[in-house]
C-alpha atoms as a PDB file:
ATOM      1  CA  MET A   1      83.108  94.139 104.458  1.00  0.00           C
ATOM      2  CA  HIS A   2      86.161  93.774 102.385  1.00  0.00           C
ATOM      3  CA  LEU A   3      85.629  93.066  98.590  1.00  0.00           C
ATOM      4  CA  LEU A   4      87.772  91.693  95.799  1.00  0.00           C
ATOM      5  CA  TYR A   5      86.694  91.532  92.486  1.00  0.00           C
ATOM      6  CA  ASP A   6      87.133  88.691  90.086  1.00  0.00           C
ATOM      7  CA  GLU A   7      88.322  88.892  86.599  1.00  0.00           C
ATOM      8  CA  ASN A   8      84.799  89.601  85.281  1.00  0.00           C
ATOM      9  CA  GLY A   9      84.055  92.672  87.899  1.00  0.00           C
ATOM     10  CA  ASN A  10      81.864  90.313  90.178  1.00  0.00           C
ATOM     11  CA  PRO A  11      82.480  91.011  94.021  1.00  0.00           C
ATOM     12  CA  ILE A  12      84.121  88.176  96.082  1.00  0.00           C
ATOM     13  CA  PRO A  13      83.705  88.689  99.744  1.00  0.00           C
ATOM     14  CA  HIS A  14      86.794  88.313 101.510  1.00  0.00           C
ATOM     15  CA  GLY A  15      86.237  87.956 105.139  1.00  0.00           C
ATOM     16  CA  ALA A  16      83.456  89.191 107.439  1.00  0.00           C
ATOM     17  CA  HIS A  17      85.635  91.935 109.338  1.00  0.00           C
ATOM     18  CA  ASP A  18      83.200  94.702 109.778  1.00  0.00           C
ATOM     19  CA  GLU A  19      85.841  97.153 110.771  1.00  0.00           C
ATOM     20  CA  HIS A  20      87.319  96.734 107.231  1.00  0.00           C
ATOM     21  CA  HIS A  21      86.558  99.431 104.538  1.00  0.00           C
ATOM     22  CA  HIS A  22      85.382  98.630 101.106  1.00  0.00           C
ATOM     23  CA  HIS A  23      88.083  99.417  98.504  1.00  0.00           C
ATOM     24  CA  ASP A  24      88.999  97.970  95.067  1.00  0.00           C
ATOM     25  CA  HIS A  25      91.838  96.404  94.179  1.00  0.00           C
ATOM     26  CA  HIS A  26      93.385  97.549  90.868  1.00  0.00           C
ATOM     27  CA  HIS A  27      96.067  95.993  88.859  1.00  0.00           C
ATOM     28  CA  GLU A  28      98.932  97.524  87.010  1.00  0.00           C
ATOM     29  CA  GLY A  29      97.852  98.774  83.743  1.00  0.00           C
ATOM     30  CA  GLU A  30      94.089  99.663  84.900  1.00  0.00           C
ATOM     31  CA  ASP A  31      92.571 103.138  85.590  1.00  0.00           C
ATOM     32  CA  CYS A  32      91.856 103.955  89.177  1.00  0.00           C
ATOM     33  CA  GLY A  33      88.681 105.746  87.573  1.00  0.00           C
ATOM     34  CA  HIS A  34      90.059 109.331  88.016  1.00  0.00           C
ATOM     35  CA  ALA A  35      92.812 111.615  87.642  1.00  0.00           C
ATOM     36  CA  CYS A  36      94.217 113.422  90.165  1.00  0.00           C
ATOM     37  CA  ASN A  37      93.025 116.755  88.724  1.00  0.00           C
ATOM     38  CA  ALA A  38      89.463 115.355  88.067  1.00  0.00           C
ATOM     39  CA  CYS A  39      88.673 115.770  91.950  1.00  0.00           C
ATOM     40  CA  GLY A  40      90.148 119.299  91.721  1.00  0.00           C
ATOM     41  CA  SER A  41      92.956 118.714  94.059  1.00  0.00           C
ATOM     42  CA  GLU A  42      96.466 116.780  93.681  1.00  0.00           C
ATOM     43  CA  GLU A  43      96.673 117.405  97.508  1.00  0.00           C
ATOM     44  CA  LYS A  44      93.695 115.523  98.211  1.00  0.00           C
ATOM     45  CA  CYS A  45      95.026 112.368  96.317  1.00  0.00           C
ATOM     46  CA  LYS A  46      97.973 112.627  97.992  1.00  0.00           C
ATOM     47  CA  ASP A  47      96.276 112.426 101.191  1.00  0.00           C
ATOM     48  CA  GLU A  48      93.992 109.774  99.953  1.00  0.00           C
ATOM     49  CA  ASN A  49      97.240 107.591  98.990  1.00  0.00           C
ATOM     50  CA  LEU A  50      98.671 108.146 102.440  1.00  0.00           C
ATOM     51  CA  ALA A  51      95.561 106.920 104.000  1.00  0.00           C
ATOM     52  CA  LEU A  52      94.858 103.956 101.822  1.00  0.00           C
ATOM     53  CA  LEU A  53      98.714 102.770 102.111  1.00  0.00           C
ATOM     54  CA  THR A  54      98.523 103.201 105.566  1.00  0.00           C
ATOM     55  CA  TYR A  55      95.273 101.051 105.763  1.00  0.00           C
ATOM     56  CA  MET A  56      96.515  98.470 103.402  1.00  0.00           C
ATOM     57  CA  LEU A  57      99.822  97.895 105.533  1.00  0.00           C
ATOM     58  CA  GLN A  58      97.655  97.814 108.853  1.00  0.00           C
ATOM     59  CA  HIS A  59      95.174  95.467 107.041  1.00  0.00           C
ATOM     60  CA  ASN A  60      98.306  93.042 105.821  1.00  0.00           C
ATOM     61  CA  GLU A  61      99.747  93.071 109.274  1.00  0.00           C
ATOM     62  CA  HIS A  62      96.257  92.023 110.782  1.00  0.00           C
ATOM     63  CA  HIS A  63      95.705  89.392 108.433  1.00  0.00           C
ATOM     64  CA  ALA A  64      99.451  88.075 109.007  1.00  0.00           C
ATOM     65  CA  ALA A  65      98.542  87.920 112.754  1.00  0.00           C
ATOM     66  CA  GLU A  66      95.447  85.873 111.954  1.00  0.00           C
ATOM     67  CA  LEU A  67      97.422  83.446 109.575  1.00  0.00           C
ATOM     68  CA  ASP A  68      99.988  82.762 112.363  1.00  0.00           C
ATOM     69  CA  GLU A  69      97.170  82.051 114.901  1.00  0.00           C
ATOM     70  CA  MET A  70      95.705  79.618 112.390  1.00  0.00           C
ATOM     71  CA  ALA A  71      99.242  77.884 111.779  1.00  0.00           C
ATOM     72  CA  ASP A  72      99.154  77.387 115.586  1.00  0.00           C
ATOM     73  CA  LYS A  73      95.865  75.833 115.523  1.00  0.00           C
ATOM     74  CA  LEU A  74      96.680  73.377 112.809  1.00  0.00           C
ATOM     75  CA  GLU A  75      99.837  72.463 114.429  1.00  0.00           C
ATOM     76  CA  LYS A  76      97.604  71.572 117.533  1.00  0.00           C
ATOM     77  CA  ALA A  77      95.481  69.779 115.274  1.00  0.00           C
ATOM     78  CA  GLN A  78      98.419  67.462 113.979  1.00  0.00           C
ATOM     79  CA  MET A  79      98.743  69.342 110.640  1.00  0.00           C
ATOM     80  CA  ALA A  80     102.337  70.405 111.109  1.00  0.00           C
ATOM     81  CA  ASP A  81     102.894  70.564 107.531  1.00  0.00           C
ATOM     82  CA  ALA A  82     100.204  72.725 106.484  1.00  0.00           C
ATOM     83  CA  ALA A  83     101.245  74.891 109.660  1.00  0.00           C
ATOM     84  CA  LYS A  84     104.478  75.030 108.197  1.00  0.00           C
ATOM     85  CA  GLN A  85     103.507  76.250 104.620  1.00  0.00           C
ATOM     86  CA  ILE A  86     101.479  79.168 106.422  1.00  0.00           C
ATOM     87  CA  ARG A  87     104.222  80.138 108.507  1.00  0.00           C
ATOM     88  CA  GLU A  88     106.470  80.390 105.501  1.00  0.00           C
ATOM     89  CA  GLY A  89     103.719  82.262 103.822  1.00  0.00           C
ATOM     90  CA  VAL A  90     103.390  84.859 106.820  1.00  0.00           C
ATOM     91  CA  SER A  91     107.131  85.268 106.535  1.00  0.00           C
ATOM     92  CA  ASP A  92     106.953  86.415 103.010  1.00  0.00           C
ATOM     93  CA  PHE A  93     103.741  88.567 103.815  1.00  0.00           C
ATOM     94  CA  GLN A  94     106.018  90.443 106.667  1.00  0.00           C
ATOM     95  CA  LYS A  95     108.676  90.725 104.195  1.00  0.00           C
ATOM     96  CA  GLY A  96     106.143  92.613 101.763  1.00  0.00           C
ATOM     97  CA  ASN A  97     104.993  94.371 104.596  1.00  0.00           C
ATOM     98  CA  MET A  98     108.540  95.665 105.411  1.00  0.00           C
ATOM     99  CA  ARG A  99     108.636  97.222 101.899  1.00  0.00           C
ATOM    100  CA  LEU A 100     105.203  98.678 102.225  1.00  0.00           C
ATOM    101  CA  SER A 101     106.414 100.194 105.369  1.00  0.00           C
ATOM    102  CA  LEU A 102     109.310 101.760 103.950  1.00  0.00           C
ATOM    103  CA  ALA A 103     107.071 102.914 101.119  1.00  0.00           C
ATOM    104  CA  LEU A 104     104.825 104.607 103.707  1.00  0.00           C
ATOM    105  CA  THR A 105     107.857 106.352 105.303  1.00  0.00           C
ATOM    106  CA  LEU A 106     109.085 107.417 101.917  1.00  0.00           C
ATOM    107  CA  VAL A 107     105.441 108.920 101.161  1.00  0.00           C
ATOM    108  CA  LYS A 108     105.125 110.740 104.453  1.00  0.00           C
ATOM    109  CA  GLU A 109     108.768 112.239 103.900  1.00  0.00           C
ATOM    110  CA  HIS A 110     107.917 113.544 100.355  1.00  0.00           C
ATOM    111  CA  LEU A 111     104.657 114.874 101.615  1.00  0.00           C
ATOM    112  CA  LYS A 112     106.644 116.813 104.437  1.00  0.00           C
ATOM    113  CA  GLU A 113     109.088 118.203 101.739  1.00  0.00           C
ATOM    114  CA  VAL A 114     106.245 119.341  99.638  1.00  0.00           C
ATOM    115  CA  LYS A 115     104.497 121.366 102.353  1.00  0.00           C
END
């Protein structure tokens, strides 16, 4: 299950997708809980960042597709105004996913150069 945490640190279930992995959402300025040298391997941290970014991009793309399906259902239920808002949100989501995809490409290129 994918968990988000509220401002008090309490877990908030986010969907019931068993295929999702558990991960914390951190915000700018918050510590992730360890420094790269704390685990003994900066390389391991780079690999974890690559894996997490890959997962997050796929995760977001999956949710964009689910939201698009929801918009279709709302349109069929005569709720075109709500469907329109969801489609606009999906469009914004896809713009963000484009940026994540570019970041992923840049990370992969950087890792190739370093090895």
